[in-house]
Amino acid sequence: MTDSLQALYDYTLEHRFPVFLMDDNYRYAGDIFSKHLHTLEQALPPAQKDILKKLCDALDEQRDIELEAMFQAAWAVMREL
């Protein structure tokens, strides 16, 4: 991404994106995820907890990459309009 596009992405992620996550369905999904993650963490021995944390970190990184790709795709479509 160019510096300008990165700045726009950062602004959008910080100031605009959260507004679209105020939906009850999103909060419900997050609550369910947290509940299951907590249950799994409690059931795992320490070695597997470390593996689970690494898996969650990898999923977070993948989600960040997907968000950036979605932003770039939306930007490309907007430019075509």
N, C-alpha and C. Protein backbone atom coordinates (compact mmCIF):
# COMPACT_ATOMS: atom_id res chain seq x y z
N MET A 1 0.84 -1.18 0.00
CA MET A 1 0.00 0.00 0.00
C MET A 1 0.89 1.24 0.00
N THR A 2 0.38 2.27 -0.63
CA THR A 2 1.09 3.54 -0.59
C THR A 2 0.94 4.14 0.82
N ASP A 3 1.75 5.14 1.13
CA ASP A 3 1.66 5.79 2.44
C ASP A 3 0.29 6.43 2.63
N SER A 4 -0.24 7.06 1.58
CA SER A 4 -1.56 7.70 1.67
C SER A 4 -2.66 6.67 1.92
N LEU A 5 -2.60 5.57 1.19
CA LEU A 5 -3.61 4.52 1.37
C LEU A 5 -3.48 3.89 2.75
N GLN A 6 -2.26 3.72 3.24
CA GLN A 6 -2.05 3.17 4.59
C GLN A 6 -2.64 4.11 5.64
N ALA A 7 -2.45 5.41 5.45
CA ALA A 7 -3.01 6.39 6.40
C ALA A 7 -4.53 6.33 6.38
N LEU A 8 -5.12 6.21 5.20
CA LEU A 8 -6.57 6.10 5.08
C LEU A 8 -7.08 4.81 5.73
N TYR A 9 -6.35 3.73 5.50
CA TYR A 9 -6.71 2.45 6.12
C TYR A 9 -6.65 2.55 7.64
N ASP A 10 -5.57 3.11 8.16
CA ASP A 10 -5.42 3.25 9.61
C ASP A 10 -6.55 4.10 10.20
N TYR A 11 -6.88 5.20 9.54
CA TYR A 11 -7.97 6.06 10.00
C TYR A 11 -9.30 5.31 9.99
N THR A 12 -9.56 4.61 8.89
CA THR A 12 -10.81 3.85 8.76
C THR A 12 -10.90 2.79 9.84
N LEU A 13 -9.82 2.07 10.06
CA LEU A 13 -9.81 1.00 11.06
C LEU A 13 -10.04 1.54 12.46
N GLU A 14 -9.48 2.72 12.75
CA GLU A 14 -9.59 3.28 14.09
C GLU A 14 -10.90 4.02 14.32
N HIS A 15 -11.37 4.76 13.32
CA HIS A 15 -12.50 5.66 13.55
C HIS A 15 -13.82 5.22 12.91
N ARG A 16 -13.79 4.47 11.85
CA ARG A 16 -15.02 4.12 11.15
C ARG A 16 -15.44 2.66 11.35
N PHE A 17 -14.47 1.77 11.31
CA PHE A 17 -14.74 0.34 11.38
C PHE A 17 -15.51 -0.07 12.64
N PRO A 18 -15.12 0.42 13.83
CA PRO A 18 -15.81 -0.03 15.05
C PRO A 18 -17.31 0.24 15.05
N VAL A 19 -17.75 1.28 14.36
CA VAL A 19 -19.18 1.60 14.31
C VAL A 19 -19.97 0.45 13.69
N PHE A 20 -19.37 -0.24 12.76
CA PHE A 20 -20.04 -1.34 12.08
C PHE A 20 -20.03 -2.64 12.89
N LEU A 21 -19.36 -2.61 14.05
CA LEU A 21 -19.31 -3.80 14.90
C LEU A 21 -20.17 -3.65 16.14
N MET A 22 -21.12 -2.74 16.11
CA MET A 22 -22.01 -2.52 17.25
C MET A 22 -23.24 -3.42 17.18
N ASP A 23 -23.29 -4.24 16.18
CA ASP A 23 -24.42 -5.13 15.92
C ASP A 23 -24.54 -6.19 17.02
N ASP A 24 -25.76 -6.50 17.42
CA ASP A 24 -25.99 -7.52 18.45
C ASP A 24 -25.45 -8.88 18.03
N ASN A 25 -25.57 -9.21 16.74
CA ASN A 25 -25.07 -10.50 16.26
C ASN A 25 -23.57 -10.60 16.42
N TYR A 26 -22.86 -9.51 16.16
CA TYR A 26 -21.40 -9.51 16.31
C TYR A 26 -21.02 -9.69 17.77
N ARG A 27 -21.67 -8.95 18.64
CA ARG A 27 -21.37 -9.08 20.08
C ARG A 27 -21.69 -10.48 20.58
N TYR A 28 -22.79 -11.03 20.12
CA TYR A 28 -23.18 -12.39 20.53
C TYR A 28 -22.12 -13.39 20.07
N ALA A 29 -21.67 -13.28 18.83
CA ALA A 29 -20.64 -14.20 18.31
C ALA A 29 -19.35 -14.06 19.12
N GLY A 30 -18.98 -12.84 19.48
CA GLY A 30 -17.79 -12.63 20.29
C GLY A 30 -17.92 -13.23 21.68
N ASP A 31 -19.11 -13.10 22.26
CA ASP A 31 -19.35 -13.68 23.58
C ASP A 31 -19.26 -15.21 23.54
N ILE A 32 -19.84 -15.80 22.51
CA ILE A 32 -19.80 -17.27 22.37
C ILE A 32 -18.35 -17.73 22.17
N PHE A 33 -17.61 -17.02 21.32
CA PHE A 33 -16.21 -17.37 21.10
C PHE A 33 -15.43 -17.30 22.41
N SER A 34 -15.60 -16.21 23.15
CA SER A 34 -14.88 -16.04 24.42
C SER A 34 -15.23 -17.14 25.41
N LYS A 35 -16.50 -17.49 25.47
CA LYS A 35 -16.95 -18.55 26.39
C LYS A 35 -16.28 -19.88 26.04
N HIS A 36 -16.30 -20.25 24.77
CA HIS A 36 -15.70 -21.52 24.35
C HIS A 36 -14.18 -21.50 24.53
N LEU A 37 -13.55 -20.37 24.24
CA LEU A 37 -12.11 -20.26 24.42
C LEU A 37 -11.74 -20.42 25.89
N HIS A 38 -12.49 -19.76 26.76
CA HIS A 38 -12.22 -19.87 28.20
C HIS A 38 -12.40 -21.31 28.68
N THR A 39 -13.46 -21.97 28.22
CA THR A 39 -13.71 -23.37 28.61
C THR A 39 -12.56 -24.26 28.14
N LEU A 40 -12.11 -24.04 26.91
CA LEU A 40 -11.01 -24.84 26.38
C LEU A 40 -9.72 -24.57 27.15
N GLU A 41 -9.44 -23.31 27.45
CA GLU A 41 -8.22 -22.98 28.21
C GLU A 41 -8.23 -23.65 29.58
N GLN A 42 -9.38 -23.71 30.21
CA GLN A 42 -9.47 -24.32 31.53
C GLN A 42 -9.24 -25.83 31.47
N ALA A 43 -9.58 -26.44 30.34
CA ALA A 43 -9.49 -27.90 30.22
C ALA A 43 -8.11 -28.37 29.76
N LEU A 44 -7.30 -27.48 29.23
CA LEU A 44 -6.02 -27.89 28.65
C LEU A 44 -4.88 -27.82 29.67
N PRO A 45 -3.94 -28.76 29.54
CA PRO A 45 -2.71 -28.65 30.33
C PRO A 45 -1.85 -27.50 29.79
N PRO A 46 -0.88 -27.03 30.57
CA PRO A 46 -0.08 -25.86 30.18
C PRO A 46 0.55 -25.93 28.77
N ALA A 47 1.07 -27.07 28.38
CA ALA A 47 1.72 -27.18 27.07
C ALA A 47 0.73 -26.92 25.94
N GLN A 48 -0.47 -27.45 26.08
CA GLN A 48 -1.48 -27.23 25.05
C GLN A 48 -2.04 -25.81 25.10
N LYS A 49 -2.05 -25.19 26.29
CA LYS A 49 -2.49 -23.79 26.38
C LYS A 49 -1.58 -22.90 25.57
N ASP A 50 -0.28 -23.19 25.58
CA ASP A 50 0.67 -22.42 24.80
C ASP A 50 0.40 -22.58 23.30
N ILE A 51 0.10 -23.80 22.88
CA ILE A 51 -0.22 -24.06 21.48
C ILE A 51 -1.52 -23.33 21.10
N LEU A 52 -2.49 -23.35 21.99
CA LEU A 52 -3.75 -22.64 21.72
C LEU A 52 -3.51 -21.15 21.59
N LYS A 53 -2.67 -20.58 22.44
CA LYS A 53 -2.37 -19.16 22.35
C LYS A 53 -1.70 -18.84 21.01
N LYS A 54 -0.78 -19.69 20.58
CA LYS A 54 -0.13 -19.48 19.29
C LYS A 54 -1.14 -19.57 18.14
N LEU A 55 -2.08 -20.48 18.25
CA LEU A 55 -3.13 -20.61 17.24
C LEU A 55 -4.00 -19.35 17.20
N CYS A 56 -4.38 -18.86 18.36
CA CYS A 56 -5.19 -17.63 18.43
C CYS A 56 -4.42 -16.44 17.87
N ASP A 57 -3.13 -16.35 18.16
CA ASP A 57 -2.30 -15.28 17.61
C ASP A 57 -2.24 -15.36 16.09
N ALA A 58 -2.09 -16.59 15.56
CA ALA A 58 -2.04 -16.78 14.11
C ALA A 58 -3.37 -16.40 13.47
N LEU A 59 -4.48 -16.75 14.12
CA LEU A 59 -5.80 -16.37 13.60
C LEU A 59 -5.99 -14.86 13.61
N ASP A 60 -5.51 -14.20 14.67
CA ASP A 60 -5.58 -12.74 14.72
C ASP A 60 -4.78 -12.11 13.58
N GLU A 61 -3.60 -12.64 13.33
CA GLU A 61 -2.77 -12.11 12.25
C GLU A 61 -3.45 -12.34 10.90
N GLN A 62 -4.03 -13.52 10.72
CA GLN A 62 -4.74 -13.81 9.48
C GLN A 62 -5.92 -12.86 9.30
N ARG A 63 -6.65 -12.59 10.36
CA ARG A 63 -7.79 -11.68 10.29
C ARG A 63 -7.32 -10.27 9.92
N ASP A 64 -6.20 -9.83 10.48
CA ASP A 64 -5.68 -8.51 10.14
C ASP A 64 -5.33 -8.41 8.65
N ILE A 65 -4.74 -9.47 8.12
CA ILE A 65 -4.39 -9.50 6.69
C ILE A 65 -5.66 -9.49 5.85
N GLU A 66 -6.68 -10.23 6.27
CA GLU A 66 -7.95 -10.27 5.54
C GLU A 66 -8.64 -8.90 5.57
N LEU A 67 -8.58 -8.21 6.71
CA LEU A 67 -9.18 -6.88 6.80
C LEU A 67 -8.49 -5.91 5.83
N GLU A 68 -7.18 -5.97 5.79
CA GLU A 68 -6.45 -5.10 4.87
C GLU A 68 -6.79 -5.44 3.43
N ALA A 69 -6.89 -6.72 3.11
CA ALA A 69 -7.25 -7.13 1.75
C ALA A 69 -8.66 -6.65 1.40
N MET A 70 -9.59 -6.74 2.35
CA MET A 70 -10.96 -6.28 2.12
C MET A 70 -10.97 -4.78 1.86
N PHE A 71 -10.19 -4.03 2.63
CA PHE A 71 -10.09 -2.59 2.43
C PHE A 71 -9.56 -2.28 1.05
N GLN A 72 -8.50 -2.97 0.65
CA GLN A 72 -7.91 -2.73 -0.66
C GLN A 72 -8.89 -3.09 -1.78
N ALA A 73 -9.65 -4.17 -1.60
CA ALA A 73 -10.65 -4.56 -2.60
C ALA A 73 -11.75 -3.50 -2.69
N ALA A 74 -12.21 -3.01 -1.55
CA ALA A 74 -13.25 -1.97 -1.55
C ALA A 74 -12.72 -0.69 -2.19
N TRP A 75 -11.48 -0.34 -1.92
CA TRP A 75 -10.87 0.84 -2.52
C TRP A 75 -10.79 0.68 -4.04
N ALA A 76 -10.41 -0.49 -4.51
CA ALA A 76 -10.32 -0.74 -5.95
C ALA A 76 -11.69 -0.63 -6.60
N VAL A 77 -12.71 -1.19 -5.98
CA VAL A 77 -14.07 -1.10 -6.52
C VAL A 77 -14.53 0.35 -6.54
N MET A 78 -14.26 1.09 -5.47
CA MET A 78 -14.66 2.49 -5.42
C MET A 78 -14.02 3.27 -6.56
N ARG A 79 -12.77 3.01 -6.83
CA ARG A 79 -12.07 3.72 -7.91
C ARG A 79 -12.67 3.38 -9.28
N GLU A 80 -13.18 2.17 -9.42
CA GLU A 80 -13.79 1.76 -10.69
C GLU A 80 -15.15 2.45 -10.91
N LEU A 81 -15.78 2.83 -9.83
CA LEU A 81 -17.08 3.50 -9.95
C LEU A 81 -16.84 4.91 -10.38
